[in-house]
Amino acid sequence: PGMLTGVILSLSRALGEAAPLVAIGAATIVRKVPQNLAKDEFTALPMQIYYWTDMPDEAFHEVAAAAIIVLLTVLIVMNALAVYLRYKFGKRVQW
């Protein structure tokens, strides 16, 4: 249960680490909407949020706020899943 919790928490932390993605990957941003996720290029959501907040139109700022809420929701769900799995599998193993 500890290893599983560690993996889930590291994935959720990677989702929250937007600053390194923006600093390192700003040159690789894709500015078109992918039509096929298997074949087209796409960018990470923090990069897209950074791009949208740079736009002068207010609609892009609203979309960026919605994307931030999506990231926060995924982060909270992953952390809750880690707590649940740690509780569930930690109960069974008695040393």
Protein backbone atom coordinates (compact mmCIF):
# COMPACT_ATOMS: atom_id res chain seq x y z
CA PRO A 1 0.00 0.00 0.00
CA GLY A 2 2.88 2.40 0.63
CA MET A 3 4.33 1.96 -2.85
CA LEU A 4 0.93 2.37 -4.50
CA THR A 5 0.27 5.51 -2.47
CA GLY A 6 3.69 6.86 -3.42
CA VAL A 7 3.04 6.34 -7.11
CA ILE A 8 -0.34 8.04 -6.99
CA LEU A 9 0.98 10.97 -4.95
CA SER A 10 3.94 11.42 -7.29
CA LEU A 11 1.60 11.49 -10.28
CA SER A 12 -0.61 14.05 -8.58
CA ARG A 13 2.42 16.15 -7.71
CA ALA A 14 3.58 16.00 -11.32
CA LEU A 15 0.19 17.39 -12.34
CA GLY A 16 0.63 20.29 -9.97
CA GLU A 17 4.14 21.20 -11.04
CA ALA A 18 3.23 23.76 -13.68
CA ALA A 19 6.17 26.13 -13.26
CA PRO A 20 8.89 23.72 -14.48
CA LEU A 21 6.76 22.78 -17.48
CA VAL A 22 6.28 26.41 -18.39
CA ALA A 23 9.95 27.27 -17.88
CA ILE A 24 11.35 24.30 -19.79
CA GLY A 25 8.71 23.50 -22.38
CA ALA A 26 7.56 26.93 -23.50
CA ALA A 27 9.23 26.45 -26.87
CA THR A 28 7.33 23.22 -27.55
CA ILE A 29 3.79 24.50 -27.11
CA VAL A 30 1.28 23.30 -29.69
CA ARG A 31 -1.21 26.00 -30.61
CA LYS A 32 -3.74 23.94 -32.55
CA VAL A 33 -6.53 21.72 -31.32
CA PRO A 34 -5.70 18.02 -31.78
CA GLN A 35 -8.24 16.10 -33.84
CA ASN A 36 -6.88 12.65 -32.99
CA LEU A 37 -5.10 12.10 -29.67
CA ALA A 38 -3.24 9.07 -31.00
CA LYS A 39 -1.72 10.82 -34.02
CA ASP A 40 -1.72 14.59 -33.46
CA GLU A 41 0.63 16.55 -31.24
CA PHE A 42 -0.74 18.05 -28.07
CA THR A 43 0.59 19.97 -25.10
CA ALA A 44 0.31 19.67 -21.32
CA LEU A 45 -2.59 21.47 -19.69
CA PRO A 46 -0.40 23.83 -17.59
CA MET A 47 1.28 24.96 -20.81
CA GLN A 48 -2.08 25.57 -22.41
CA ILE A 49 -3.24 27.55 -19.37
CA TYR A 50 -0.12 29.70 -19.61
CA TYR A 51 -0.81 30.31 -23.29
CA TRP A 52 -4.47 31.19 -22.65
CA THR A 53 -3.65 33.67 -19.88
CA ASP A 54 -1.30 35.48 -22.26
CA MET A 55 -4.12 36.13 -24.74
CA PRO A 56 -5.81 39.56 -24.66
CA ASP A 57 -9.37 38.23 -25.10
CA GLU A 58 -11.37 37.76 -21.88
CA ALA A 59 -12.85 34.46 -23.13
CA PHE A 60 -9.40 32.87 -23.02
CA HIS A 61 -9.06 33.89 -19.36
CA GLU A 62 -12.36 32.19 -18.56
CA VAL A 63 -11.24 29.01 -20.32
CA ALA A 64 -7.94 29.15 -18.43
CA ALA A 65 -9.85 29.42 -15.14
CA ALA A 66 -11.94 26.38 -16.10
CA ALA A 67 -8.79 24.43 -16.98
CA ILE A 68 -7.29 25.33 -13.60
CA ILE A 69 -10.41 23.95 -11.92
CA VAL A 70 -10.05 20.75 -13.96
CA LEU A 71 -6.43 20.38 -12.83
CA LEU A 72 -7.38 20.97 -9.20
CA THR A 73 -10.21 18.44 -9.44
CA VAL A 74 -7.92 15.77 -10.88
CA LEU A 75 -5.36 16.55 -8.17
CA ILE A 76 -7.91 16.22 -5.36
CA VAL A 77 -9.34 12.99 -6.81
CA MET A 78 -5.87 11.44 -7.10
CA ASN A 79 -4.99 12.39 -3.54
CA ALA A 80 -8.31 11.02 -2.27
CA LEU A 81 -7.67 7.80 -4.19
CA ALA A 82 -4.24 7.51 -2.57
CA VAL A 83 -5.73 7.95 0.91
CA TYR A 84 -8.47 5.41 0.19
CA LEU A 85 -6.06 2.80 -1.19
CA ARG A 86 -3.66 3.30 1.71
CA TYR A 87 -6.53 2.79 4.16
CA LYS A 88 -7.96 -0.21 2.31
CA PHE A 89 -4.72 -2.12 1.79
CA GLY A 90 -3.16 -1.00 5.06
CA LYS A 91 -5.93 -2.65 7.05
CA ARG A 92 -5.36 -6.10 5.57
CA VAL A 93 -1.64 -6.34 6.20
CA GLN A 94 -1.03 -7.02 9.88
CA TRP A 95 2.55 -7.72 10.92
